């Protein structure tokens, strides 16, 4: 398990970044950032993550419990819930279940910042309808965490600037152009966290 490599931001500032979620978090193509996590995927040098293909929010929560306490990330980039939507699994509780996961992350790594993304589009009409429903819950969760003054930023991936249907290689996962769009939105989220004073300047 990797526990020493960091992401460098500014002079002398080191941030530990954990991508956490399903297979979209794992990535399938080129990606040049430094990450922490218990898994490695791809051919790039910086390939650590906590992305788990096929897993639902509850299962991702269980995986997070195995690694978060050891790696203690400063920043979590969370994208979870697509598999719940694909399987129509407990959709009414998706926001609450994700909220439970986030609270665990803050409990385990109290000074950490969570950058949560909404779910990207899906080529399957029913799955995409489920995603719209769950994303509304995530936006509500974002308002709740803001009211609680948590170190939290929401990144809306399900928008014009995010991946579109024609960026999906299999109806679910983005191609390189789609991942590039996601990366730009993630960066905007990290910059927002910096501006809000959640990260060291």
N, C-alpha and C. Protein backbone atom coordinates (compact mmCIF):
# COMPACT_ATOMS: atom_id res chain seq x y z
N UNK A 1 0.84 -1.19 0.00
CA UNK A 1 0.00 0.00 0.00
C UNK A 1 0.87 1.24 0.00
N UNK A 2 0.56 2.20 -0.90
CA UNK A 2 1.35 3.42 -1.00
C UNK A 2 0.93 4.39 0.09
N UNK A 3 1.93 4.95 0.78
CA UNK A 3 1.59 5.89 1.85
C UNK A 3 2.57 7.04 1.96
N UNK A 4 3.44 7.21 0.96
CA UNK A 4 4.44 8.27 1.05
C UNK A 4 4.30 9.32 -0.05
N UNK A 5 3.71 8.97 -1.17
CA UNK A 5 3.70 9.89 -2.29
C UNK A 5 2.59 10.93 -2.11
N UNK A 6 2.93 12.18 -2.42
CA UNK A 6 2.02 13.29 -2.20
C UNK A 6 1.81 14.07 -3.49
N UNK A 7 0.81 14.92 -3.48
CA UNK A 7 0.63 15.88 -4.54
C UNK A 7 1.19 17.20 -4.05
N UNK A 8 2.06 17.84 -4.83
CA UNK A 8 2.70 19.08 -4.44
C UNK A 8 1.89 20.26 -4.96
N UNK A 9 1.54 21.17 -4.08
CA UNK A 9 0.78 22.36 -4.45
C UNK A 9 1.49 23.56 -3.86
N UNK A 10 2.12 24.37 -4.70
CA UNK A 10 2.83 25.54 -4.20
C UNK A 10 4.17 25.15 -3.60
N UNK A 11 4.87 26.12 -3.06
CA UNK A 11 6.20 25.88 -2.53
C UNK A 11 6.13 25.26 -1.14
N UNK A 12 6.69 24.07 -1.01
CA UNK A 12 6.78 23.44 0.29
C UNK A 12 5.46 22.92 0.83
N UNK A 13 4.41 22.93 0.01
CA UNK A 13 3.11 22.46 0.46
C UNK A 13 2.83 21.10 -0.17
N UNK A 14 2.45 20.14 0.65
CA UNK A 14 2.22 18.79 0.17
C UNK A 14 0.82 18.36 0.56
N UNK A 15 0.02 17.95 -0.41
CA UNK A 15 -1.35 17.50 -0.16
C UNK A 15 -1.49 16.05 -0.59
N UNK A 16 -2.15 15.26 0.23
CA UNK A 16 -2.42 13.87 -0.09
C UNK A 16 -3.83 13.78 -0.67
N UNK A 17 -3.92 13.36 -1.91
CA UNK A 17 -5.18 13.33 -2.64
C UNK A 17 -5.61 11.89 -2.87
N UNK A 18 -6.83 11.53 -2.42
CA UNK A 18 -7.36 10.20 -2.66
C UNK A 18 -8.59 10.28 -3.56
N UNK A 19 -8.51 9.78 -4.81
CA UNK A 19 -9.70 9.60 -5.62
C UNK A 19 -10.47 8.39 -5.08
N UNK A 20 -11.76 8.59 -4.78
CA UNK A 20 -12.55 7.55 -4.12
C UNK A 20 -13.87 7.37 -4.84
N UNK A 21 -14.17 6.14 -5.25
CA UNK A 21 -15.45 5.90 -5.91
C UNK A 21 -15.45 4.62 -6.71
N UNK A 22 -16.18 4.66 -7.84
CA UNK A 22 -16.32 3.49 -8.70
C UNK A 22 -15.32 3.48 -9.84
N UNK A 23 -15.69 2.85 -10.95
CA UNK A 23 -14.74 2.66 -12.04
C UNK A 23 -14.40 3.96 -12.76
N UNK A 24 -15.30 4.94 -12.77
CA UNK A 24 -14.98 6.23 -13.37
C UNK A 24 -13.85 6.89 -12.59
N UNK A 25 -13.81 6.64 -11.27
CA UNK A 25 -12.73 7.15 -10.43
C UNK A 25 -11.41 6.44 -10.74
N UNK A 26 -11.51 5.14 -11.02
CA UNK A 26 -10.31 4.36 -11.35
C UNK A 26 -9.63 4.89 -12.59
N UNK A 27 -10.40 5.25 -13.60
CA UNK A 27 -9.83 5.76 -14.85
C UNK A 27 -9.40 4.63 -15.76
N UNK A 28 -9.48 4.89 -17.06
CA UNK A 28 -9.11 3.87 -18.04
C UNK A 28 -8.09 4.40 -19.05
N UNK A 29 -7.76 5.68 -18.96
CA UNK A 29 -6.90 6.27 -19.99
C UNK A 29 -5.84 7.14 -19.35
N UNK A 30 -5.25 8.07 -20.10
CA UNK A 30 -4.13 8.90 -19.64
C UNK A 30 -4.58 9.85 -18.54
N UNK A 31 -3.73 10.02 -17.52
CA UNK A 31 -4.05 10.90 -16.39
C UNK A 31 -2.79 11.20 -15.63
N UNK A 32 -2.36 12.45 -15.58
CA UNK A 32 -1.08 12.79 -14.99
C UNK A 32 -1.24 13.60 -13.72
N UNK A 33 -1.50 12.96 -12.61
CA UNK A 33 -1.54 13.59 -11.29
C UNK A 33 -0.96 12.62 -10.27
N UNK A 34 -0.61 13.14 -9.10
CA UNK A 34 -0.09 12.29 -8.03
C UNK A 34 -1.22 12.00 -7.04
N UNK A 35 -1.49 10.74 -6.78
CA UNK A 35 -2.61 10.37 -5.93
C UNK A 35 -2.18 9.37 -4.86
N UNK A 36 -3.04 9.19 -3.85
CA UNK A 36 -2.81 8.14 -2.85
C UNK A 36 -4.00 7.19 -2.84
N UNK A 37 -3.74 5.95 -2.51
CA UNK A 37 -4.78 4.94 -2.45
C UNK A 37 -4.16 3.57 -2.35
N UNK A 38 -4.99 2.57 -2.15
CA UNK A 38 -4.48 1.21 -1.99
C UNK A 38 -4.40 0.46 -3.32
N UNK A 39 -4.89 1.09 -4.42
CA UNK A 39 -4.92 0.41 -5.71
C UNK A 39 -4.07 1.15 -6.73
N UNK A 40 -3.65 0.42 -7.77
CA UNK A 40 -2.90 1.00 -8.87
C UNK A 40 -3.50 0.51 -10.18
N UNK A 41 -3.69 1.45 -11.13
CA UNK A 41 -4.24 1.11 -12.43
C UNK A 41 -3.56 1.94 -13.50
N UNK A 42 -3.32 1.35 -14.65
CA UNK A 42 -2.80 2.11 -15.77
C UNK A 42 -1.28 2.07 -15.85
N UNK A 43 -0.76 2.74 -16.89
CA UNK A 43 0.67 2.71 -17.15
C UNK A 43 1.38 3.98 -16.71
N UNK A 44 0.63 4.98 -16.24
CA UNK A 44 1.26 6.24 -15.84
C UNK A 44 2.00 6.05 -14.52
N UNK A 45 3.00 6.89 -14.23
CA UNK A 45 3.78 6.74 -12.99
C UNK A 45 2.94 6.94 -11.74
N UNK A 46 2.03 7.90 -11.77
CA UNK A 46 1.22 8.25 -10.59
C UNK A 46 -0.16 7.62 -10.73
N UNK A 47 -0.30 6.40 -10.27
CA UNK A 47 -1.51 5.65 -10.60
C UNK A 47 -2.25 5.11 -9.38
N UNK A 48 -2.02 5.73 -8.21
CA UNK A 48 -2.70 5.26 -7.01
C UNK A 48 -4.10 5.85 -6.91
N UNK A 49 -5.04 5.06 -6.41
CA UNK A 49 -6.42 5.53 -6.31
C UNK A 49 -7.19 4.58 -5.40
N UNK A 50 -8.44 4.93 -5.16
CA UNK A 50 -9.35 4.07 -4.42
C UNK A 50 -10.64 3.95 -5.23
N UNK A 51 -10.47 3.62 -6.51
CA UNK A 51 -11.60 3.44 -7.42
C UNK A 51 -11.90 1.96 -7.59
N UNK A 52 -13.17 1.60 -7.43
CA UNK A 52 -13.55 0.19 -7.41
C UNK A 52 -14.67 -0.08 -8.42
N UNK A 53 -14.34 -0.69 -9.58
CA UNK A 53 -15.35 -0.96 -10.59
C UNK A 53 -16.49 -1.83 -10.06
N UNK A 54 -17.71 -1.42 -10.39
CA UNK A 54 -18.88 -2.22 -10.06
C UNK A 54 -19.44 -2.05 -8.67
N UNK A 55 -18.74 -1.31 -7.80
CA UNK A 55 -19.18 -1.21 -6.41
C UNK A 55 -20.16 -0.05 -6.20
N UNK A 56 -21.12 -0.31 -5.34
CA UNK A 56 -22.12 0.70 -4.96
C UNK A 56 -21.60 1.52 -3.77
N UNK A 57 -22.34 2.56 -3.41
CA UNK A 57 -21.90 3.48 -2.36
C UNK A 57 -21.55 2.73 -1.08
N UNK A 58 -22.41 1.82 -0.65
CA UNK A 58 -22.17 1.09 0.60
C UNK A 58 -20.88 0.27 0.54
N UNK A 59 -20.63 -0.33 -0.62
CA UNK A 59 -19.42 -1.15 -0.78
C UNK A 59 -18.17 -0.28 -0.85
N UNK A 60 -18.28 0.88 -1.48
CA UNK A 60 -17.17 1.83 -1.51
C UNK A 60 -16.86 2.31 -0.09
N UNK A 61 -17.90 2.52 0.70
CA UNK A 61 -17.74 2.91 2.10
C UNK A 61 -16.90 1.86 2.84
N UNK A 62 -17.20 0.61 2.62
CA UNK A 62 -16.44 -0.47 3.28
C UNK A 62 -14.98 -0.47 2.84
N UNK A 63 -14.74 -0.25 1.55
CA UNK A 63 -13.36 -0.20 1.05
C UNK A 63 -12.61 0.99 1.66
N UNK A 64 -13.30 2.11 1.79
CA UNK A 64 -12.67 3.31 2.36
C UNK A 64 -12.20 3.06 3.79
N UNK A 65 -12.94 2.25 4.52
CA UNK A 65 -12.57 1.96 5.90
C UNK A 65 -11.26 1.18 6.00
N UNK A 66 -10.88 0.50 4.93
CA UNK A 66 -9.66 -0.30 4.95
C UNK A 66 -8.41 0.53 4.65
N UNK A 67 -8.58 1.69 4.03
CA UNK A 67 -7.40 2.45 3.59
C UNK A 67 -7.31 3.86 4.17
N UNK A 68 -8.43 4.48 4.45
CA UNK A 68 -8.41 5.90 4.84
C UNK A 68 -7.63 6.12 6.13
N UNK A 69 -7.82 5.26 7.12
CA UNK A 69 -7.15 5.46 8.41
C UNK A 69 -5.64 5.31 8.30
N UNK A 70 -5.17 4.57 7.28
CA UNK A 70 -3.72 4.40 7.09
C UNK A 70 -3.12 5.53 6.26
N UNK A 71 -3.86 6.00 5.25
CA UNK A 71 -3.31 6.99 4.33
C UNK A 71 -3.63 8.43 4.74
N UNK A 72 -4.70 8.63 5.50
CA UNK A 72 -5.08 9.95 6.01
C UNK A 72 -4.97 11.05 4.96
N UNK A 73 -5.76 10.99 3.90
CA UNK A 73 -5.67 12.00 2.86
C UNK A 73 -6.07 13.39 3.36
N UNK A 74 -5.51 14.41 2.71
CA UNK A 74 -5.91 15.79 2.96
C UNK A 74 -7.13 16.15 2.14
N UNK A 75 -7.23 15.55 0.96
CA UNK A 75 -8.32 15.84 0.03
C UNK A 75 -8.87 14.53 -0.52
N UNK A 76 -10.19 14.42 -0.52
CA UNK A 76 -10.88 13.29 -1.16
C UNK A 76 -11.60 13.81 -2.40
N UNK A 77 -11.35 13.19 -3.55
CA UNK A 77 -12.11 13.47 -4.76
C UNK A 77 -13.09 12.31 -4.93
N UNK A 78 -14.35 12.53 -4.60
CA UNK A 78 -15.33 11.45 -4.51
C UNK A 78 -16.28 11.47 -5.70
N UNK A 79 -16.39 10.34 -6.37
CA UNK A 79 -17.38 10.13 -7.43
C UNK A 79 -17.95 8.74 -7.21
N UNK A 80 -19.10 8.67 -6.58
CA UNK A 80 -19.69 7.37 -6.21
C UNK A 80 -21.19 7.42 -6.42
N UNK A 81 -21.76 6.30 -6.85
CA UNK A 81 -23.20 6.21 -7.01
C UNK A 81 -23.65 5.77 -8.39
N UNK A 82 -22.75 5.74 -9.36
CA UNK A 82 -23.14 5.33 -10.71
C UNK A 82 -23.65 3.90 -10.74
N UNK A 83 -22.99 3.01 -9.99
CA UNK A 83 -23.42 1.61 -9.99
C UNK A 83 -24.76 1.43 -9.28
N UNK A 84 -25.03 2.26 -8.27
CA UNK A 84 -26.35 2.25 -7.65
C UNK A 84 -27.42 2.59 -8.69
N UNK A 85 -27.10 3.59 -9.55
CA UNK A 85 -28.05 4.00 -10.58
C UNK A 85 -28.21 2.94 -11.67
N UNK A 86 -27.11 2.30 -12.04
CA UNK A 86 -27.18 1.25 -13.05
C UNK A 86 -28.01 0.06 -12.56
N UNK A 87 -27.96 -0.19 -11.24
CA UNK A 87 -28.67 -1.34 -10.66
C UNK A 87 -29.98 -0.94 -9.97
N UNK A 88 -30.33 0.36 -10.04
CA UNK A 88 -31.53 0.89 -9.36
C UNK A 88 -31.56 0.44 -7.91
N UNK A 89 -30.43 0.60 -7.22
CA UNK A 89 -30.27 0.10 -5.86
C UNK A 89 -30.54 1.19 -4.83
N UNK A 90 -31.60 1.05 -4.06
CA UNK A 90 -31.91 1.94 -2.94
C UNK A 90 -31.71 3.41 -3.30
N UNK A 91 -32.29 3.82 -4.42
CA UNK A 91 -32.05 5.17 -4.91
C UNK A 91 -32.61 6.24 -3.98
N UNK A 92 -33.70 5.94 -3.28
CA UNK A 92 -34.27 6.92 -2.35
C UNK A 92 -33.31 7.25 -1.21
N UNK A 93 -32.37 6.35 -0.94
CA UNK A 93 -31.44 6.53 0.18
C UNK A 93 -30.03 6.91 -0.28
N UNK A 94 -29.86 7.17 -1.56
CA UNK A 94 -28.51 7.39 -2.10
C UNK A 94 -27.83 8.58 -1.43
N UNK A 95 -28.55 9.68 -1.27
CA UNK A 95 -27.96 10.86 -0.63
C UNK A 95 -27.55 10.61 0.80
N UNK A 96 -28.41 9.91 1.53
CA UNK A 96 -28.10 9.61 2.94
C UNK A 96 -26.91 8.66 3.03
N UNK A 97 -26.88 7.65 2.17
CA UNK A 97 -25.78 6.69 2.22
C UNK A 97 -24.45 7.35 1.87
N UNK A 98 -24.49 8.26 0.90
CA UNK A 98 -23.27 8.98 0.57
C UNK A 98 -22.88 9.91 1.71
N UNK A 99 -23.88 10.53 2.33
CA UNK A 99 -23.60 11.39 3.48
C UNK A 99 -22.92 10.63 4.61
N UNK A 100 -23.34 9.39 4.83
CA UNK A 100 -22.70 8.56 5.86
C UNK A 100 -21.24 8.30 5.51
N UNK A 101 -20.96 8.06 4.23
CA UNK A 101 -19.58 7.86 3.79
C UNK A 101 -18.74 9.12 4.04
N UNK A 102 -19.27 10.27 3.68
CA UNK A 102 -18.53 11.52 3.87
C UNK A 102 -18.24 11.78 5.34
N UNK A 103 -19.23 11.51 6.20
CA UNK A 103 -19.01 11.72 7.63
C UNK A 103 -17.91 10.80 8.16
N UNK A 104 -17.83 9.59 7.61
CA UNK A 104 -16.75 8.69 8.02
C UNK A 104 -15.39 9.28 7.61
N UNK A 105 -15.32 9.83 6.40
CA UNK A 105 -14.05 10.41 5.93
C UNK A 105 -13.60 11.54 6.85
N UNK A 106 -14.52 12.41 7.24
CA UNK A 106 -14.18 13.52 8.12
C UNK A 106 -13.84 13.04 9.53
N UNK A 107 -14.53 12.00 9.96
CA UNK A 107 -14.24 11.44 11.29
C UNK A 107 -12.84 10.85 11.33
N UNK A 108 -12.45 10.17 10.26
CA UNK A 108 -11.16 9.48 10.22
C UNK A 108 -10.01 10.44 9.92
N UNK A 109 -10.25 11.40 9.04
CA UNK A 109 -9.24 12.38 8.66
C UNK A 109 -9.85 13.77 8.88
N UNK A 110 -9.91 14.22 10.14
CA UNK A 110 -10.73 15.38 10.52
C UNK A 110 -10.43 16.68 9.79
N UNK A 111 -9.21 16.90 9.37
CA UNK A 111 -8.87 18.17 8.71
C UNK A 111 -9.03 18.10 7.20
N UNK A 112 -9.54 16.99 6.69
CA UNK A 112 -9.60 16.79 5.25
C UNK A 112 -10.73 17.59 4.60
N UNK A 113 -10.55 17.79 3.31
CA UNK A 113 -11.55 18.45 2.46
C UNK A 113 -12.14 17.41 1.51
N UNK A 114 -13.46 17.43 1.35
CA UNK A 114 -14.12 16.54 0.40
C UNK A 114 -14.54 17.35 -0.82
N UNK A 115 -14.09 16.93 -2.00
CA UNK A 115 -14.55 17.49 -3.26
C UNK A 115 -15.40 16.40 -3.91
N UNK A 116 -16.70 16.60 -3.89
CA UNK A 116 -17.66 15.60 -4.37
C UNK A 116 -18.16 15.99 -5.75
N UNK A 117 -18.21 15.04 -6.65
CA UNK A 117 -18.78 15.33 -7.98
C UNK A 117 -20.15 14.69 -8.11
N UNK A 118 -20.99 15.35 -8.91
CA UNK A 118 -22.22 14.70 -9.34
C UNK A 118 -21.84 13.62 -10.35
N UNK A 119 -22.79 12.78 -10.69
CA UNK A 119 -22.55 11.66 -11.60
C UNK A 119 -22.68 12.11 -13.05
N UNK A 120 -21.84 11.57 -13.92
CA UNK A 120 -21.87 11.94 -15.33
C UNK A 120 -23.04 11.24 -16.03
N UNK A 121 -23.31 11.68 -17.23
CA UNK A 121 -24.41 11.13 -18.02
C UNK A 121 -24.18 9.65 -18.31
N UNK A 122 -25.26 8.98 -18.70
CA UNK A 122 -25.20 7.56 -19.06
C UNK A 122 -26.03 7.36 -20.31
N UNK A 123 -25.59 6.47 -21.19
CA UNK A 123 -26.29 6.26 -22.46
C UNK A 123 -27.61 5.52 -22.28
N UNK A 124 -27.74 4.76 -21.18
CA UNK A 124 -28.98 4.04 -20.92
C UNK A 124 -30.02 5.00 -20.33
N UNK A 125 -31.19 5.05 -20.92
CA UNK A 125 -32.19 6.05 -20.52
C UNK A 125 -32.64 5.89 -19.07
N UNK A 126 -32.87 4.65 -18.63
CA UNK A 126 -33.30 4.43 -17.24
C UNK A 126 -32.19 4.80 -16.27
N UNK A 127 -30.98 4.36 -16.59
CA UNK A 127 -29.84 4.70 -15.72
C UNK A 127 -29.64 6.21 -15.66
N UNK A 128 -29.80 6.89 -16.80
CA UNK A 128 -29.61 8.34 -16.83
C UNK A 128 -30.70 9.05 -16.02
N UNK A 129 -31.91 8.53 -16.07
CA UNK A 129 -33.00 9.07 -15.25
C UNK A 129 -32.67 8.88 -13.76
N UNK A 130 -32.16 7.71 -13.42
CA UNK A 130 -31.74 7.47 -12.02
C UNK A 130 -30.63 8.44 -11.61
N UNK A 131 -29.70 8.69 -12.52
CA UNK A 131 -28.60 9.60 -12.23
C UNK A 131 -29.11 11.01 -11.95
N UNK A 132 -30.08 11.46 -12.74
CA UNK A 132 -30.68 12.79 -12.50
C UNK A 132 -31.29 12.84 -11.11
N UNK A 133 -31.99 11.79 -10.73
CA UNK A 133 -32.64 11.71 -9.41
C UNK A 133 -31.61 11.73 -8.29
N UNK A 134 -30.55 10.95 -8.43
CA UNK A 134 -29.52 10.88 -7.40
C UNK A 134 -28.71 12.17 -7.34
N UNK A 135 -28.41 12.77 -8.49
CA UNK A 135 -27.68 14.03 -8.49
C UNK A 135 -28.43 15.12 -7.72
N UNK A 136 -29.76 15.12 -7.83
CA UNK A 136 -30.55 16.10 -7.06
C UNK A 136 -30.33 15.88 -5.57
N UNK A 137 -30.22 14.62 -5.15
CA UNK A 137 -29.94 14.33 -3.73
C UNK A 137 -28.54 14.81 -3.35
N UNK A 138 -27.58 14.62 -4.24
CA UNK A 138 -26.21 15.06 -3.96
C UNK A 138 -26.14 16.57 -3.83
N UNK A 139 -26.90 17.28 -4.65
CA UNK A 139 -26.92 18.75 -4.55
C UNK A 139 -27.54 19.18 -3.22
N UNK A 140 -28.58 18.45 -2.80
CA UNK A 140 -29.16 18.74 -1.49
C UNK A 140 -28.18 18.45 -0.37
N UNK A 141 -27.41 17.37 -0.52
CA UNK A 141 -26.38 17.03 0.46
C UNK A 141 -25.33 18.13 0.52
N UNK A 142 -24.99 18.69 -0.63
CA UNK A 142 -24.00 19.77 -0.68
C UNK A 142 -24.50 20.98 0.10
N UNK A 143 -25.77 21.33 -0.06
CA UNK A 143 -26.32 22.47 0.69
C UNK A 143 -26.29 22.19 2.18
N UNK A 144 -26.60 20.95 2.57
CA UNK A 144 -26.58 20.57 3.98
C UNK A 144 -25.17 20.69 4.56
N UNK A 145 -24.17 20.19 3.84
CA UNK A 145 -22.80 20.24 4.35
C UNK A 145 -22.28 21.67 4.40
N UNK A 146 -22.72 22.50 3.46
CA UNK A 146 -22.33 23.91 3.51
C UNK A 146 -22.92 24.57 4.75
N UNK A 147 -24.17 24.26 5.06
CA UNK A 147 -24.81 24.81 6.26
C UNK A 147 -24.11 24.34 7.53
N UNK A 148 -23.56 23.12 7.48
CA UNK A 148 -22.83 22.58 8.63
C UNK A 148 -21.38 23.07 8.67
N UNK A 149 -21.02 23.91 7.70
CA UNK A 149 -19.68 24.50 7.61
C UNK A 149 -18.58 23.44 7.50
N UNK A 150 -18.88 22.41 6.73
CA UNK A 150 -17.89 21.38 6.44
C UNK A 150 -16.93 21.87 5.36
N UNK A 151 -15.74 21.29 5.34
CA UNK A 151 -14.78 21.57 4.28
C UNK A 151 -15.18 20.73 3.07
N UNK A 152 -16.03 21.32 2.24
CA UNK A 152 -16.75 20.56 1.21
C UNK A 152 -16.96 21.43 -0.02
N UNK A 153 -16.74 20.85 -1.18
CA UNK A 153 -17.01 21.51 -2.45
C UNK A 153 -17.73 20.53 -3.37
N UNK A 154 -18.77 20.99 -4.04
CA UNK A 154 -19.47 20.16 -5.02
C UNK A 154 -19.01 20.54 -6.42
N UNK A 155 -18.65 19.54 -7.21
CA UNK A 155 -18.27 19.74 -8.61
C UNK A 155 -19.37 19.11 -9.47
N UNK A 156 -20.01 19.91 -10.28
CA UNK A 156 -21.10 19.41 -11.12
C UNK A 156 -20.54 18.89 -12.43
N UNK A 157 -20.47 17.57 -12.55
CA UNK A 157 -19.98 16.92 -13.77
C UNK A 157 -21.09 16.75 -14.81
N UNK A 158 -22.34 16.82 -14.35
CA UNK A 158 -23.47 16.58 -15.23
C UNK A 158 -23.95 17.92 -15.77
N UNK A 159 -23.12 18.49 -16.62
CA UNK A 159 -23.39 19.82 -17.14
C UNK A 159 -22.81 19.92 -18.54
N UNK A 160 -22.97 21.07 -19.16
CA UNK A 160 -22.51 21.25 -20.53
C UNK A 160 -21.00 21.10 -20.66
N UNK A 161 -20.27 21.49 -19.60
CA UNK A 161 -18.81 21.40 -19.63
C UNK A 161 -18.30 19.99 -19.32
N UNK A 162 -19.17 19.11 -18.84
CA UNK A 162 -18.78 17.75 -18.49
C UNK A 162 -18.88 16.81 -19.67
N UNK A 163 -18.53 15.53 -19.47
CA UNK A 163 -18.64 14.54 -20.54
C UNK A 163 -20.08 14.41 -21.04
N UNK A 164 -20.23 14.27 -22.34
CA UNK A 164 -21.53 14.06 -22.96
C UNK A 164 -21.63 12.61 -23.46
N UNK A 165 -22.79 12.24 -23.94
CA UNK A 165 -23.01 10.86 -24.38
C UNK A 165 -21.97 10.42 -25.41
N UNK A 166 -21.60 11.34 -26.33
CA UNK A 166 -20.64 10.94 -27.36
C UNK A 166 -19.21 10.86 -26.85
N UNK A 167 -19.00 11.16 -25.57
CA UNK A 167 -17.69 10.98 -24.96
C UNK A 167 -17.57 9.65 -24.21
N UNK A 168 -18.61 8.83 -24.25
CA UNK A 168 -18.60 7.57 -23.51
C UNK A 168 -18.15 6.44 -24.42
N UNK A 169 -17.18 5.65 -23.96
CA UNK A 169 -16.65 4.57 -24.80
C UNK A 169 -17.56 3.34 -24.79
N UNK A 170 -18.35 3.19 -23.74
CA UNK A 170 -19.20 2.02 -23.60
C UNK A 170 -20.58 2.37 -23.05
N UNK A 171 -20.93 3.62 -23.13
CA UNK A 171 -22.21 4.07 -22.58
C UNK A 171 -22.12 4.47 -21.12
N UNK A 172 -20.98 4.16 -20.48
CA UNK A 172 -20.81 4.43 -19.04
C UNK A 172 -19.54 5.24 -18.76
N UNK A 173 -18.41 4.79 -19.32
CA UNK A 173 -17.10 5.36 -18.99
C UNK A 173 -16.65 6.35 -20.07
N UNK A 174 -16.04 7.47 -19.67
CA UNK A 174 -15.59 8.46 -20.65
C UNK A 174 -14.38 7.98 -21.45
N UNK A 175 -14.22 8.57 -22.64
CA UNK A 175 -12.99 8.42 -23.39
C UNK A 175 -11.99 9.46 -22.88
N UNK A 176 -10.84 9.57 -23.52
CA UNK A 176 -9.82 10.51 -23.05
C UNK A 176 -10.33 11.94 -23.03
N UNK A 177 -11.10 12.32 -24.05
CA UNK A 177 -11.64 13.68 -24.08
C UNK A 177 -12.62 13.90 -22.92
N UNK A 178 -13.42 12.86 -22.63
CA UNK A 178 -14.34 12.97 -21.51
C UNK A 178 -13.63 13.09 -20.18
N UNK A 179 -12.55 12.32 -20.01
CA UNK A 179 -11.77 12.42 -18.77
C UNK A 179 -11.08 13.78 -18.66
N UNK A 180 -10.67 14.33 -19.81
CA UNK A 180 -10.05 15.66 -19.78
C UNK A 180 -11.06 16.70 -19.31
N UNK A 181 -12.30 16.58 -19.77
CA UNK A 181 -13.35 17.48 -19.30
C UNK A 181 -13.56 17.33 -17.79
N UNK A 182 -13.58 16.10 -17.33
CA UNK A 182 -13.73 15.85 -15.89
C UNK A 182 -12.56 16.45 -15.11
N UNK A 183 -11.34 16.28 -15.64
CA UNK A 183 -10.15 16.80 -14.96
C UNK A 183 -10.23 18.31 -14.79
N UNK A 184 -10.69 19.01 -15.81
CA UNK A 184 -10.81 20.46 -15.73
C UNK A 184 -11.83 20.86 -14.65
N UNK A 185 -12.93 20.12 -14.58
CA UNK A 185 -13.95 20.42 -13.56
C UNK A 185 -13.43 20.10 -12.16
N UNK A 186 -12.70 18.98 -12.03
CA UNK A 186 -12.07 18.67 -10.74
C UNK A 186 -11.14 19.81 -10.32
N UNK A 187 -10.32 20.29 -11.26
CA UNK A 187 -9.39 21.36 -10.93
C UNK A 187 -10.12 22.61 -10.47
N UNK A 188 -11.24 22.92 -11.13
CA UNK A 188 -12.04 24.06 -10.68
C UNK A 188 -12.51 23.85 -9.24
N UNK A 189 -12.87 22.62 -8.91
CA UNK A 189 -13.29 22.31 -7.54
C UNK A 189 -12.16 22.48 -6.54
N UNK A 190 -10.95 22.04 -6.92
CA UNK A 190 -9.80 22.20 -6.03
C UNK A 190 -9.46 23.68 -5.84
N UNK A 191 -9.57 24.48 -6.91
CA UNK A 191 -9.31 25.91 -6.81
C UNK A 191 -10.35 26.59 -5.92
N UNK A 192 -11.61 26.14 -6.03
CA UNK A 192 -12.65 26.68 -5.15
C UNK A 192 -12.34 26.36 -3.69
N UNK A 193 -11.89 25.13 -3.44
CA UNK A 193 -11.52 24.76 -2.07
C UNK A 193 -10.38 25.63 -1.57
N UNK A 194 -9.42 25.91 -2.45
CA UNK A 194 -8.30 26.78 -2.08
C UNK A 194 -8.78 28.19 -1.75
N UNK A 195 -9.66 28.72 -2.59
CA UNK A 195 -10.18 30.07 -2.39
C UNK A 195 -10.99 30.19 -1.10
N UNK A 196 -11.64 29.10 -0.72
CA UNK A 196 -12.44 29.11 0.50
C UNK A 196 -11.59 28.89 1.76
N UNK A 197 -10.28 28.69 1.57
CA UNK A 197 -9.40 28.50 2.70
C UNK A 197 -9.37 27.09 3.24
N UNK A 198 -9.89 26.13 2.45
CA UNK A 198 -9.90 24.74 2.90
C UNK A 198 -8.55 24.07 2.74
N UNK A 199 -7.70 24.61 1.85
CA UNK A 199 -6.39 24.02 1.55
C UNK A 199 -5.31 25.02 1.89
N UNK A 200 -4.10 24.55 2.19
CA UNK A 200 -2.99 25.47 2.44
C UNK A 200 -2.70 26.32 1.21
N UNK A 201 -2.40 27.59 1.41
CA UNK A 201 -2.12 28.47 0.27
C UNK A 201 -0.65 28.36 -0.10
